[in-house]
Amino acid sequence: MFAQPITPDLLMTPSDQGDIDLDVDFAADRGNWTGKLDFLLSCIGYCVGLGNVWRFPYRAYTNGGGAGAAMLLIVGLVAIYYNMIIAYVLFYLFASLTSNLPWGHCGNWWNTDLCLEHRGSKHGNGALPLNLTGTVSPSEEYWSRYVLHIQGSRGIGSPGEIRWSLCLCLLLAWVIVFLCILKGVKSSGKVVYFTATFPYLILLMLLVRGVTLPGAWKGVQFYLTPQFHHLLSSKVWIEAALQIFYSLGVGFGGLLTFASYNTFHQNIYRDTFIVTLGNAVTSILAGFAIFSVLGYMSQELGVPVDQVAKAGPGLAFVVYPQAMTMLPLSPFWSFLFFFMLLTLGLDSQFAFLETIVTAVTDEFPYYLRPKKAVFSGLICVAMYLMGLVLTTDGGMYWLVLLDDYSASFGLMVVVITTCLAVTRVYGIQRLCRDIHMMLGFKPGLYFRACWLFLSPATLLALLVYSIVKYQPSEYGSYRFPAWAELLGILMGLLSCLMIPAGMLVAVLREEGSLWERLQQASRPAMDWGPSLEENRTGMYVATLVGSQSPKPLMVHMRKYGGITSFENTAIEVDREIAEEEESMM
């Protein structure tokens, strides 16, 4: 009996290799996840953020119940104002450390004559509805007149003075973020074990407390009862698509950055389903927690559920804090709520900063990678200084402008371009072959249909709809001036212009006629392939150093596998390659 030749590892697919230890296939100087759950929890923490608590419930509430440099620019603008929201959360967190919540009653220096403590009867039967017309709740005046001190500003053009309490909270937020990303994914990957899991414990506590309140069923019923006539409106479908689009963080670069620290054969297919499912479940749970409290408020105030809440920050910083004042041990529940918001916001902010730092250090690895901690600190300082305008009396106007335009149509253009470039320019066949090499199986028909047709068509429809239905920004009764609108539009266009600018640079670097340059610029680079040479198997063997010889597999074996143990198989495969080349000639 002759011994059968042993198939070398580099000819095996991941499914053939079983539980092989893949922790060795990373570049030590760049860093990598230190545990198998780091990547998964980081993605969940990145996708599950503040939007799951206030944006998703509000969208359900209002709609009837139940590439590169461009990406870097977008995520930079978002990171500036996103950390300001975390600063607001810190402000409320510290304000909750008291026996009586300061937004629970009128009579403070910041209150006006319109302030009315919106409380119903003690029994909360809602038999005598309150006349709330023309009145303002103490929680709303606390938010607008004390926290924001918006009365000190005449508009976006005159922001007023810096609110030093907010300035210090923003500084603390950036210090926390810097300390958590100090050592890159090695540190942030461990922090997310807490920030990505602890919010679920608090959310569960708030949910149990919410559903046990009198009148909670009103909110839950409103949440679960679909109003089917809304399905005839295109706005509902657009809002639903946008919610998933922003909630998963598509186009912000965070998922791509985290994935870049994976081992080559990480089962990203499985992780994708876990992250998307976790994001959806979190939004649904948050909806139950929020709407149960809104139902309680509806019964206490004697008003319908759809007249209780407000849009955007109003839910997190006005309505829910007001609900906390109606509960026994209100400071305790308030602290838990804002601590949950803090942990939800931080891991998303980690992803934003890690995206920026990784993108720039990968572009200049020789200079920046050894000093990554210092560079991360400089980025945090620069963004803190740029965010100081958000701490002024009129800072909310700037935050609304950034929120409306920094990641609006520009983000959709980036994602559409990326989708078309990968499927049309790089090629869907190449993409599927690469995935097969990494995972051991090819993507199914559904995924290929989404990449080729469904996703670009849906995103294009969203883009057209957002342009056709364009509405100027506003904050309450304040309407932004024309110059501010123009500034916001330019902000969005600037990220879009990065795409044709990059294409132009790529074409100018090539030689020959215009058509030849376009062809060359549209092809993968000669060294394109897995970043680590030991992972360059299959068609990528030809990109190895020394592979110009007629036996590229032998070159690979000598360098990484050793020729002795795989000699028979290697020679046999090389002979087959030589025979194919001769037959082609």
Protein backbone atom coordinates (compact mmCIF):
# COMPACT_ATOMS: atom_id res chain seq x y z
CA MET A 1 0.00 0.00 0.00
CA PHE A 2 1.30 3.37 -0.98
CA ALA A 3 0.66 6.22 1.41
CA GLN A 4 -1.77 8.78 0.11
CA PRO A 5 -0.26 12.25 -0.37
CA ILE A 6 -1.12 14.65 2.43
CA THR A 7 -3.07 17.70 1.35
CA PRO A 8 -1.28 20.81 2.61
CA ASP A 9 -3.26 23.27 4.74
CA LEU A 10 -3.07 26.03 2.15
CA LEU A 11 -5.06 23.88 -0.28
CA MET A 12 -7.81 23.28 2.29
CA THR A 13 -10.92 25.36 2.75
CA PRO A 14 -11.77 26.57 6.27
CA SER A 15 -14.49 23.90 6.48
CA ASP A 16 -11.87 21.23 5.75
CA GLN A 17 -9.50 22.53 8.39
CA GLY A 18 -11.90 22.09 11.31
CA ASP A 19 -10.99 23.87 14.52
CA ILE A 20 -7.57 24.98 13.41
CA ASP A 21 -6.08 27.76 15.51
CA LEU A 22 -6.32 30.86 13.39
CA ASP A 23 -5.10 33.32 16.01
CA VAL A 24 -1.69 33.48 14.36
CA ASP A 25 -2.74 35.10 11.09
CA PHE A 26 -2.52 38.73 12.01
CA ALA A 27 0.06 41.46 11.82
CA ALA A 28 1.35 42.01 15.34
CA ASP A 29 2.31 45.62 14.71
CA ARG A 30 -1.21 46.58 13.64
CA GLY A 31 -3.00 44.80 16.48
CA ASN A 32 -5.91 42.40 16.62
CA TRP A 33 -8.84 41.39 18.79
CA THR A 34 -7.60 39.62 21.91
CA GLY A 35 -10.66 37.37 22.22
CA LYS A 36 -13.22 35.68 20.01
CA LEU A 37 -16.13 37.77 21.37
CA ASP A 38 -14.37 41.14 21.06
CA PHE A 39 -15.42 41.65 17.45
CA LEU A 40 -18.99 40.47 17.93
CA LEU A 41 -19.65 42.57 21.04
CA SER A 42 -17.97 45.60 19.47
CA CYS A 43 -20.25 45.35 16.44
CA ILE A 44 -23.32 44.92 18.64
CA GLY A 45 -22.26 47.87 20.77
CA TYR A 46 -21.63 49.96 17.66
CA CYS A 47 -24.99 49.15 16.06
CA VAL A 48 -27.01 49.25 19.27
CA GLY A 49 -26.81 52.87 20.37
CA LEU A 50 -28.88 55.86 21.39
CA GLY A 51 -31.01 55.53 18.27
CA ASN A 52 -32.47 52.24 19.53
CA VAL A 53 -33.85 53.97 22.62
CA TRP A 54 -35.22 57.25 21.27
CA ARG A 55 -35.13 57.13 17.47
CA PHE A 56 -36.77 53.75 16.88
CA PRO A 57 -39.62 54.22 19.40
CA TYR A 58 -40.31 57.69 18.01
CA ARG A 59 -40.42 56.44 14.40
CA ALA A 60 -42.85 53.72 15.43
CA TYR A 61 -44.77 56.33 17.42
CA THR A 62 -45.19 58.74 14.50
CA ASN A 63 -45.82 56.13 11.80
CA GLY A 64 -48.67 54.16 13.24
CA GLY A 65 -47.21 51.63 15.62
CA GLY A 66 -46.07 48.07 15.20
CA ALA A 67 -15.47 54.84 0.36
CA GLY A 68 -12.90 56.03 1.55
CA ALA A 69 -12.22 59.72 2.34
CA ALA A 70 -15.93 60.53 2.02
CA MET A 71 -16.74 57.97 4.69
CA LEU A 72 -13.99 59.38 6.91
CA LEU A 73 -15.33 62.92 6.58
CA ILE A 74 -18.86 61.80 7.43
CA VAL A 75 -17.87 59.82 10.50
CA GLY A 76 -15.68 62.71 11.68
CA LEU A 77 -18.59 65.16 11.61
CA VAL A 78 -20.88 62.66 13.31
CA ALA A 79 -18.33 61.94 16.05
CA ILE A 80 -18.16 65.65 16.94
CA TYR A 81 -21.85 66.04 17.71
CA TYR A 82 -22.48 62.47 18.88
CA ASN A 83 -20.14 63.00 21.82
CA MET A 84 -22.11 66.15 22.67
CA ILE A 85 -25.18 63.96 23.16
CA ILE A 86 -23.09 61.82 25.49
CA ALA A 87 -22.16 65.04 27.33
CA TYR A 88 -25.88 65.79 27.81
CA VAL A 89 -26.31 62.28 29.19
CA LEU A 90 -23.46 62.85 31.66
CA PHE A 91 -25.08 66.13 32.72
CA TYR A 92 -28.35 64.39 33.54
CA LEU A 93 -26.50 61.48 35.15
CA PHE A 94 -24.85 63.82 37.64
CA ALA A 95 -28.11 65.73 38.16
CA SER A 96 -29.79 62.44 39.15
CA LEU A 97 -27.48 62.12 42.17
CA THR A 98 -29.90 63.92 44.45
CA SER A 99 -32.89 63.17 46.63
CA ASN A 100 -35.23 65.30 44.47
CA LEU A 101 -34.84 65.55 40.70
CA PRO A 102 -34.40 69.22 39.74
CA TRP A 103 -36.72 68.92 36.74
CA GLY A 104 -39.58 67.53 38.81
CA HIS A 105 -41.12 70.84 39.92
CA CYS A 106 -41.54 74.51 39.00
CA GLY A 107 -40.39 77.49 41.07
CA ASN A 108 -36.71 77.38 40.06
CA TRP A 109 -34.91 80.41 38.67
CA TRP A 110 -35.05 79.01 35.13
CA ASN A 111 -38.80 78.41 35.18
CA THR A 112 -41.32 80.80 33.63
CA ASP A 113 -44.95 81.58 34.36
CA LEU A 114 -45.94 78.97 31.77
CA CYS A 115 -44.42 76.17 33.86
CA LEU A 116 -47.01 73.67 35.08
CA GLU A 117 -46.33 70.45 36.93
CA HIS A 118 -48.06 68.02 34.60
CA ARG A 119 -49.42 65.53 37.09
CA GLY A 120 -52.79 63.86 37.10
CA SER A 121 -54.82 62.66 40.03
CA LYS A 122 -53.11 60.60 42.69
CA HIS A 123 -55.00 57.50 41.63
CA GLY A 124 -54.07 58.10 38.00
CA ASN A 125 -57.51 57.24 36.64
CA GLY A 126 -57.36 59.98 34.01
CA ALA A 127 -61.01 60.91 34.64
CA LEU A 128 -60.21 64.62 34.74
CA PRO A 129 -57.96 65.44 31.77
CA LEU A 130 -55.55 68.30 32.33
CA ASN A 131 -55.71 71.37 30.16
CA LEU A 132 -52.09 71.45 28.98
CA THR A 133 -52.63 74.03 26.25
CA GLY A 134 -50.14 76.88 26.53
CA THR A 135 -48.25 75.30 29.42
CA VAL A 136 -44.74 73.89 29.63
CA SER A 137 -43.60 70.98 31.78
CA PRO A 138 -40.78 71.58 34.30
CA SER A 139 -38.70 68.89 32.56
CA GLU A 140 -38.96 70.76 29.24
CA GLU A 141 -37.91 74.08 30.80
CA TYR A 142 -35.08 72.33 32.65
CA TRP A 143 -33.83 70.98 29.32
CA SER A 144 -34.19 74.13 27.24
CA ARG A 145 -33.65 76.91 29.76
CA TYR A 146 -31.21 75.35 32.24
CA VAL A 147 -29.23 72.65 30.44
CA LEU A 148 -29.12 74.33 27.02
CA HIS A 149 -29.79 77.92 28.26
CA ILE A 150 -31.12 78.49 24.76
CA GLN A 151 -32.70 81.79 25.76
CA GLY A 152 -29.19 83.24 25.80
CA SER A 153 -28.92 82.83 22.01
CA ARG A 154 -30.74 84.67 19.26
CA GLY A 155 -30.09 81.91 16.72
CA ILE A 156 -27.38 79.92 15.02
CA GLY A 157 -25.57 83.10 14.00
CA SER A 158 -25.22 84.31 17.61
CA PRO A 159 -24.48 81.25 19.75
CA GLY A 160 -23.85 83.27 22.93
CA GLU A 161 -21.59 82.22 25.78
CA ILE A 162 -20.09 78.83 26.55
CA ARG A 163 -21.98 76.79 29.12
CA TRP A 164 -19.09 75.71 31.31
CA SER A 165 -21.01 72.84 32.88
CA LEU A 166 -21.61 71.39 29.40
CA CYS A 167 -18.03 72.20 28.42
CA LEU A 168 -16.71 70.09 31.33
CA CYS A 169 -19.15 67.27 30.57
CA LEU A 170 -17.96 67.23 26.95
CA LEU A 171 -14.35 67.17 28.15
CA LEU A 172 -15.14 64.22 30.42
CA ALA A 173 -16.84 62.41 27.54
CA TRP A 174 -13.75 62.78 25.34
CA VAL A 175 -11.44 61.70 28.19
CA ILE A 176 -13.51 58.53 28.68
CA VAL A 177 -13.44 57.80 24.95
CA PHE A 178 -9.68 58.37 24.73
CA LEU A 179 -8.91 56.10 27.69
CA CYS A 180 -11.05 53.34 26.21
CA ILE A 181 -9.40 53.46 22.76
CA LEU A 182 -5.90 54.18 24.10
CA LYS A 183 -4.51 50.82 23.00
CA GLY A 184 -6.77 50.43 19.99
CA VAL A 185 -8.98 47.36 19.76
CA LYS A 186 -7.01 45.66 22.52
CA SER A 187 -8.52 48.10 25.02
CA SER A 188 -11.85 48.98 23.39
CA GLY A 189 -12.43 45.28 22.67
CA LYS A 190 -12.43 44.63 26.41
CA VAL A 191 -14.45 47.71 27.40
CA VAL A 192 -17.34 46.60 25.17
CA TYR A 193 -17.74 43.47 27.29
CA PHE A 194 -19.33 45.88 29.76
CA THR A 195 -20.74 48.67 27.57
CA ALA A 196 -22.40 46.25 25.12
CA THR A 197 -23.97 43.93 27.71
CA PHE A 198 -24.79 46.03 30.78
CA PRO A 199 -27.42 48.17 28.95
CA TYR A 200 -29.49 45.03 28.47
CA LEU A 201 -29.64 44.50 32.24
CA ILE A 202 -30.82 48.07 32.82
CA LEU A 203 -33.22 47.89 29.89
CA LEU A 204 -34.71 44.73 31.37
CA MET A 205 -35.13 46.44 34.75
CA LEU A 206 -36.81 49.45 33.14
CA LEU A 207 -39.02 47.13 31.10
CA VAL A 208 -40.18 45.18 34.18
CA ARG A 209 -40.82 48.41 36.04
CA GLY A 210 -42.62 49.94 33.07
CA VAL A 211 -45.05 47.11 32.42
CA THR A 212 -46.04 47.00 36.10
CA LEU A 213 -47.13 50.66 36.10
CA PRO A 214 -50.85 51.50 35.99
CA GLY A 215 -51.88 52.35 32.43
CA ALA A 216 -48.82 50.71 30.87
CA TRP A 217 -51.09 48.57 28.71
CA LYS A 218 -52.27 51.73 26.90
CA GLY A 219 -48.77 52.42 25.64
CA VAL A 220 -48.06 48.78 24.80
CA GLN A 221 -51.37 48.52 22.94
CA PHE A 222 -50.54 51.64 20.95
CA TYR A 223 -47.08 50.21 20.22
CA LEU A 224 -48.35 46.83 19.00
CA THR A 225 -51.48 47.94 17.14
CA PRO A 226 -50.59 48.68 13.51
CA GLN A 227 -52.51 51.30 11.60
CA PHE A 228 -52.54 49.67 8.21
CA HIS A 229 -53.61 52.79 6.31
CA HIS A 230 -50.15 54.20 7.00
CA LEU A 231 -48.69 51.44 4.81
CA LEU A 232 -50.12 53.26 1.80
CA SER A 233 -47.79 56.18 2.52
CA SER A 234 -44.29 56.04 1.06
CA LYS A 235 -43.05 57.97 4.11
CA VAL A 236 -43.56 54.96 6.36
CA TRP A 237 -41.45 52.68 4.15
CA ILE A 238 -38.76 55.32 3.78
CA GLU A 239 -38.59 55.92 7.53
CA ALA A 240 -38.38 52.19 8.19
CA ALA A 241 -35.54 51.76 5.71
CA LEU A 242 -33.68 54.78 7.05
CA GLN A 243 -34.02 53.50 10.62
CA ILE A 244 -32.31 50.22 9.72
CA PHE A 245 -29.80 52.09 7.56
CA TYR A 246 -28.68 54.36 10.41
CA SER A 247 -29.19 51.87 13.23
CA LEU A 248 -26.78 49.34 11.70
CA GLY A 249 -24.28 52.09 10.95
CA VAL A 250 -24.02 51.21 7.25
CA GLY A 251 -21.57 53.50 5.48
CA PHE A 252 -19.97 54.94 8.61
CA GLY A 253 -16.97 52.64 8.35
CA GLY A 254 -17.19 51.21 11.87
CA LEU A 255 -18.10 47.70 10.78
CA LEU A 256 -15.37 47.69 8.13
CA THR A 257 -12.82 48.90 10.67
CA PHE A 258 -13.74 46.26 13.22
CA ALA A 259 -13.73 43.56 10.55
CA SER A 260 -10.22 44.57 9.49
CA TYR A 261 -8.92 43.37 12.87
CA ASN A 262 -10.39 39.89 12.43
CA THR A 263 -8.47 36.76 11.61
CA PHE A 264 -8.67 35.95 7.91
CA HIS A 265 -11.19 33.10 8.26
CA GLN A 266 -13.51 34.74 10.81
CA ASN A 267 -17.08 33.53 10.21
CA ILE A 268 -18.41 36.94 9.29
CA TYR A 269 -21.51 35.32 7.78
CA ARG A 270 -22.63 34.10 11.20
CA ASP A 271 -21.63 37.34 12.94
CA THR A 272 -23.70 39.38 10.48
CA PHE A 273 -26.88 37.56 11.41
CA ILE A 274 -26.15 37.84 15.14
CA VAL A 275 -25.48 41.59 14.97
CA THR A 276 -28.52 42.42 12.84
CA LEU A 277 -30.79 40.21 14.95
CA GLY A 278 -29.42 41.70 18.18
CA ASN A 279 -29.99 45.21 16.86
CA ALA A 280 -33.60 44.44 15.93
CA VAL A 281 -34.38 42.71 19.24
CA THR A 282 -32.91 45.62 21.20
CA SER A 283 -35.06 48.13 19.33
CA ILE A 284 -38.18 46.06 20.01
CA LEU A 285 -37.36 45.69 23.72
CA ALA A 286 -36.62 49.40 24.01
CA GLY A 287 -39.99 50.08 22.39
CA PHE A 288 -41.78 48.06 25.09
CA ALA A 289 -39.85 49.84 27.85
CA ILE A 290 -40.52 53.31 26.42
CA PHE A 291 -44.17 52.82 25.45
CA SER A 292 -45.12 51.23 28.76
CA VAL A 293 -43.95 54.40 30.51
CA LEU A 294 -45.70 56.56 27.92
CA GLY A 295 -48.92 54.64 28.64
CA TYR A 296 -48.48 55.36 32.34
CA MET A 297 -47.97 59.04 31.59
CA SER A 298 -51.02 59.01 29.34
CA GLN A 299 -53.19 57.75 32.20
CA GLU A 300 -51.66 60.11 34.76
CA LEU A 301 -52.07 63.18 32.54
CA GLY A 302 -55.39 62.18 31.08
CA VAL A 303 -54.24 62.68 27.48
CA PRO A 304 -53.97 60.22 24.55
CA VAL A 305 -50.69 58.35 24.10
CA ASP A 306 -49.97 60.10 20.81
CA GLN A 307 -49.93 63.47 22.58
CA VAL A 308 -47.36 62.60 25.21
CA ALA A 309 -43.99 62.26 23.44
CA LYS A 310 -41.92 64.53 21.25
CA ALA A 311 -39.34 63.98 18.54
CA GLY A 312 -35.64 63.31 18.79
CA PRO A 313 -33.84 64.47 21.95
CA GLY A 314 -37.19 65.41 23.48
CA LEU A 315 -37.92 61.76 24.23
CA ALA A 316 -34.63 61.13 26.03
CA PHE A 317 -34.22 64.50 27.75
CA VAL A 318 -37.78 65.74 28.33
CA VAL A 319 -40.49 63.08 28.29
CA TYR A 320 -38.67 60.16 29.92
CA PRO A 321 -37.10 62.33 32.67
CA GLN A 322 -40.58 63.70 33.33
CA ALA A 323 -41.86 60.14 33.64
CA MET A 324 -39.13 59.38 36.18
CA THR A 325 -40.47 62.11 38.48
CA MET A 326 -43.80 60.25 38.67
CA LEU A 327 -42.19 57.04 39.99
CA PRO A 328 -41.25 56.15 43.56
CA LEU A 329 -37.47 56.35 44.04
CA SER A 330 -37.32 58.59 40.98
CA PRO A 331 -33.58 59.50 41.30
CA PHE A 332 -32.69 55.78 41.24
CA TRP A 333 -34.64 55.08 38.05
CA SER A 334 -33.37 58.27 36.46
CA PHE A 335 -29.77 57.32 37.20
CA LEU A 336 -30.29 53.86 35.70
CA PHE A 337 -31.87 55.29 32.56
CA PHE A 338 -29.10 57.78 31.86
CA PHE A 339 -26.40 55.29 32.78
CA MET A 340 -27.91 52.99 30.16
CA LEU A 341 -27.82 55.82 27.60
CA LEU A 342 -24.18 56.49 28.52
CA THR A 343 -23.08 52.89 27.90
CA LEU A 344 -25.13 52.72 24.71
CA GLY A 345 -23.55 55.88 23.36
CA LEU A 346 -19.96 55.17 24.32
CA ASP A 347 -19.43 51.97 22.33
CA SER A 348 -20.83 53.66 19.21
CA GLN A 349 -18.42 56.55 19.79
CA PHE A 350 -15.56 54.05 20.19
CA ALA A 351 -16.33 52.79 16.70
CA PHE A 352 -16.36 56.30 15.21
CA LEU A 353 -12.96 57.17 16.68
CA GLU A 354 -11.45 53.78 15.88
CA THR A 355 -12.55 54.22 12.26
CA ILE A 356 -10.79 57.58 11.98
CA VAL A 357 -7.62 56.51 13.75
CA THR A 358 -7.33 53.20 11.88
CA ALA A 359 -7.92 54.77 8.46
CA VAL A 360 -5.24 57.42 8.91
CA THR A 361 -2.65 55.17 10.59
CA ASP A 362 -3.09 52.52 7.88
CA GLU A 363 -2.41 55.22 5.29
CA PHE A 364 0.80 56.30 7.06
CA PRO A 365 1.81 53.19 9.03
CA TYR A 366 5.54 53.96 9.21
CA TYR A 367 5.01 57.30 10.95
CA LEU A 368 1.78 56.90 12.92
CA ARG A 369 1.41 53.25 13.93
CA PRO A 370 4.23 53.33 16.53
CA LYS A 371 2.63 56.50 17.99
CA LYS A 372 -1.00 55.47 17.69
CA ALA A 373 -1.83 56.44 21.28
CA VAL A 374 -0.47 59.95 20.82
CA PHE A 375 -2.26 60.32 17.50
CA SER A 376 -5.54 59.15 19.08
CA GLY A 377 -5.10 61.77 21.79
CA LEU A 378 -4.53 64.52 19.23
CA ILE A 379 -7.68 63.48 17.35
CA CYS A 380 -9.71 63.63 20.57
CA VAL A 381 -8.32 67.07 21.47
CA ALA A 382 -9.02 68.43 17.99
CA MET A 383 -12.58 67.14 17.97
CA TYR A 384 -13.19 68.46 21.47
CA LEU A 385 -12.11 71.93 20.37
CA MET A 386 -14.30 71.74 17.26
CA GLY A 387 -17.22 70.67 19.43
CA LEU A 388 -16.97 73.62 21.82
CA VAL A 389 -19.49 75.56 19.72
CA LEU A 390 -22.03 72.90 20.73
CA THR A 391 -21.60 73.85 24.40
CA THR A 392 -22.73 77.44 23.85
CA ASP A 393 -26.22 78.81 24.49
CA GLY A 394 -27.07 78.22 20.84
CA GLY A 395 -25.20 74.94 20.59
CA MET A 396 -28.38 72.96 19.95
CA TYR A 397 -28.88 74.83 16.67
CA TRP A 398 -25.46 73.67 15.48
CA LEU A 399 -26.11 70.13 16.69
CA VAL A 400 -29.38 69.98 14.73
CA LEU A 401 -27.61 71.30 11.61
CA LEU A 402 -24.87 68.66 11.92
CA ASP A 403 -27.40 65.93 12.59
CA ASP A 404 -29.53 66.88 9.58
CA TYR A 405 -26.77 67.22 6.99
CA SER A 406 -23.52 65.49 8.04
CA ALA A 407 -24.88 61.99 7.45
CA SER A 408 -27.87 62.50 5.21
CA PHE A 409 -27.75 62.33 1.40
CA GLY A 410 -23.94 62.23 1.43
CA LEU A 411 -23.98 58.97 3.35
CA MET A 412 -26.40 57.39 0.89
CA VAL A 413 -24.25 58.50 -2.05
CA VAL A 414 -21.20 56.89 -0.42
CA VAL A 415 -23.01 53.59 0.18
CA ILE A 416 -24.53 53.49 -3.33
CA THR A 417 -21.13 54.19 -4.87
CA THR A 418 -19.47 51.52 -2.74
CA CYS A 419 -22.11 48.96 -3.68
CA LEU A 420 -21.78 49.70 -7.40
CA ALA A 421 -17.97 49.76 -7.29
CA VAL A 422 -17.76 46.38 -5.57
CA THR A 423 -20.34 44.60 -7.74
CA ARG A 424 -19.76 46.29 -11.12
CA VAL A 425 -16.15 47.47 -11.15
CA TYR A 426 -14.45 44.87 -8.96
CA GLY A 427 -17.00 42.28 -10.03
CA ILE A 428 -19.51 40.10 -8.25
CA GLN A 429 -17.66 36.95 -9.35
CA ARG A 430 -14.39 38.14 -7.79
CA LEU A 431 -16.22 39.09 -4.60
CA CYS A 432 -17.91 35.69 -4.31
CA ARG A 433 -14.61 33.92 -5.01
CA ASP A 434 -12.90 35.92 -2.24
CA ILE A 435 -15.68 35.09 0.21
CA HIS A 436 -15.42 31.42 -0.76
CA MET A 437 -11.69 31.50 -0.02
CA MET A 438 -12.28 33.08 3.41
CA LEU A 439 -15.40 31.22 4.59
CA GLY A 440 -15.30 27.96 2.64
CA PHE A 441 -18.62 28.55 0.83
CA LYS A 442 -20.00 31.01 -1.69
CA PRO A 443 -22.79 33.53 -0.95
CA GLY A 444 -26.26 32.37 -1.92
CA LEU A 445 -28.54 33.78 -4.59
CA TYR A 446 -30.30 36.09 -2.14
CA PHE A 447 -27.14 37.94 -1.17
CA ARG A 448 -25.96 38.27 -4.74
CA ALA A 449 -29.38 39.64 -5.75
CA CYS A 450 -29.23 42.17 -2.92
CA TRP A 451 -25.73 43.34 -3.82
CA LEU A 452 -26.46 43.54 -7.54
CA PHE A 453 -30.00 44.94 -7.66
CA LEU A 454 -32.10 45.26 -4.50
CA SER A 455 -29.73 47.28 -2.32
CA PRO A 456 -28.64 49.83 -4.97
CA ALA A 457 -32.25 50.28 -6.16
CA THR A 458 -33.59 50.76 -2.63
CA LEU A 459 -30.85 53.20 -1.68
CA LEU A 460 -31.33 55.14 -4.90
CA ALA A 461 -35.05 55.40 -4.14
CA LEU A 462 -34.21 56.68 -0.64
CA LEU A 463 -31.84 59.25 -2.09
CA VAL A 464 -34.35 60.52 -4.64
CA TYR A 465 -37.10 60.63 -2.03
CA SER A 466 -34.95 62.61 0.41
CA ILE A 467 -34.14 65.16 -2.32
CA VAL A 468 -37.73 65.47 -3.59
CA LYS A 469 -39.15 65.75 -0.07
CA TYR A 470 -36.43 68.09 1.14
CA GLN A 471 -37.45 70.30 4.04
CA PRO A 472 -35.31 73.02 5.65
CA SER A 473 -33.98 72.30 9.12
CA GLU A 474 -35.87 73.58 12.12
CA TYR A 475 -35.72 73.33 15.89
CA GLY A 476 -39.09 73.87 17.50
CA SER A 477 -40.40 77.15 16.14
CA TYR A 478 -36.95 78.31 15.05
CA ARG A 479 -36.29 78.31 11.29
CA PHE A 480 -32.68 78.24 10.14
CA PRO A 481 -31.49 81.14 7.97
CA ALA A 482 -30.60 80.59 4.32
CA TRP A 483 -26.84 80.74 4.93
CA ALA A 484 -27.09 77.96 7.53
CA GLU A 485 -29.08 75.79 5.11
CA LEU A 486 -26.47 76.41 2.43
CA LEU A 487 -23.71 75.50 4.88
CA GLY A 488 -25.46 72.25 5.70
CA ILE A 489 -25.95 71.35 2.03
CA LEU A 490 -22.28 72.08 1.33
CA MET A 491 -21.38 69.89 4.29
CA GLY A 492 -23.20 66.98 2.66
CA LEU A 493 -21.85 67.75 -0.82
CA LEU A 494 -18.26 67.88 0.42
CA SER A 495 -18.33 64.21 1.35
CA CYS A 496 -19.87 63.38 -2.05
CA LEU A 497 -17.15 65.33 -3.87
CA MET A 498 -14.49 63.12 -2.27
CA ILE A 499 -15.62 60.28 -4.56
CA PRO A 500 -15.06 61.94 -7.98
CA ALA A 501 -11.90 63.56 -6.59
CA GLY A 502 -10.52 60.14 -5.69
CA MET A 503 -11.48 58.77 -9.10
CA LEU A 504 -9.72 61.67 -10.83
CA VAL A 505 -6.52 61.14 -8.84
CA ALA A 506 -6.57 57.41 -9.65
CA VAL A 507 -6.96 58.10 -13.38
CA LEU A 508 -4.22 60.76 -13.45
CA ARG A 509 -1.75 58.35 -11.85
CA GLU A 510 -2.03 55.94 -14.78
CA GLU A 511 -0.38 56.26 -18.21
CA GLY A 512 -1.67 56.04 -21.76
CA SER A 513 -4.83 57.30 -23.42
CA LEU A 514 -7.89 58.29 -21.41
CA TRP A 515 -9.58 54.95 -22.07
CA GLU A 516 -6.43 53.04 -21.09
CA ARG A 517 -6.16 55.06 -17.91
CA LEU A 518 -9.77 54.35 -17.05
CA GLN A 519 -9.21 50.63 -17.61
CA GLN A 520 -6.07 50.56 -15.48
CA ALA A 521 -7.66 52.59 -12.68
CA SER A 522 -10.64 50.23 -12.62
CA ARG A 523 -8.53 47.10 -12.08
CA PRO A 524 -7.26 45.77 -8.74
CA ALA A 525 -3.64 46.64 -8.00
CA MET A 526 -0.96 44.05 -8.79
CA ASP A 527 -0.44 43.30 -5.10
CA TRP A 528 -4.19 43.14 -4.32
CA GLY A 529 -5.12 40.24 -2.08
CA PRO A 530 -5.05 39.11 1.57
CA SER A 531 -2.82 41.40 3.63
CA LEU A 532 -0.85 38.47 5.06
CA GLU A 533 1.14 36.41 2.58
CA GLU A 534 0.36 33.08 4.25
CA ASN A 535 -3.31 33.67 3.38
CA ARG A 536 -2.59 34.25 -0.32
CA THR A 537 -3.84 30.99 -1.74
CA GLY A 538 -5.58 30.13 -5.00
CA MET A 539 -5.38 32.92 -7.56
CA TYR A 540 -3.47 35.14 -5.11
CA VAL A 541 -0.43 32.82 -5.01
CA ALA A 542 0.76 34.57 -8.17
CA THR A 543 1.16 37.84 -6.23
CA LEU A 544 3.80 36.39 -3.89
CA VAL A 545 7.42 37.43 -4.19
CA GLY A 546 9.23 34.94 -6.42
CA SER A 547 6.04 33.67 -8.01
CA GLN A 548 7.30 34.70 -11.45
CA SER A 549 8.84 31.22 -11.58
CA PRO A 550 6.75 28.51 -13.30
CA LYS A 551 6.02 26.91 -9.96
CA PRO A 552 4.34 29.51 -7.70
CA LEU A 553 2.91 26.91 -5.34
CA MET A 554 6.42 25.62 -4.67
CA VAL A 555 7.47 29.16 -3.78
CA HIS A 556 4.60 29.40 -1.31
CA MET A 557 5.40 26.01 0.22
CA ARG A 558 9.08 26.75 0.71
CA LYS A 559 8.29 30.08 2.37
CA TYR A 560 5.39 29.08 4.62
CA GLY A 561 4.70 25.36 4.64
CA GLY A 562 8.07 23.76 4.07
CA ILE A 563 8.58 21.57 1.02
CA THR A 564 9.54 18.36 2.83
CA SER A 565 6.19 17.30 4.29
CA PHE A 566 4.19 18.36 1.24
CA GLU A 567 6.72 17.44 -1.46
CA ASN A 568 4.65 14.90 -3.39
CA THR A 569 1.49 16.99 -3.51
CA ALA A 570 3.32 20.21 -4.35
CA ILE A 571 5.21 18.64 -7.23
CA GLU A 572 2.03 17.03 -8.50
CA VAL A 573 0.10 20.31 -8.49
CA ASP A 574 3.01 22.14 -10.12
CA ARG A 575 3.09 19.52 -12.87
CA GLU A 576 -0.63 20.07 -13.52
CA ILE A 577 -0.08 23.85 -13.74
CA ALA A 578 2.78 23.36 -16.20
CA GLU A 579 0.68 21.01 -18.37
CA GLU A 580 -2.17 23.56 -18.44
CA GLU A 581 0.24 26.30 -19.51
CA GLU A 582 1.68 24.11 -22.31
CA SER A 583 -1.78 23.20 -23.59
CA MET A 584 -2.76 26.88 -23.68
CA MET A 585 0.40 27.73 -25.66
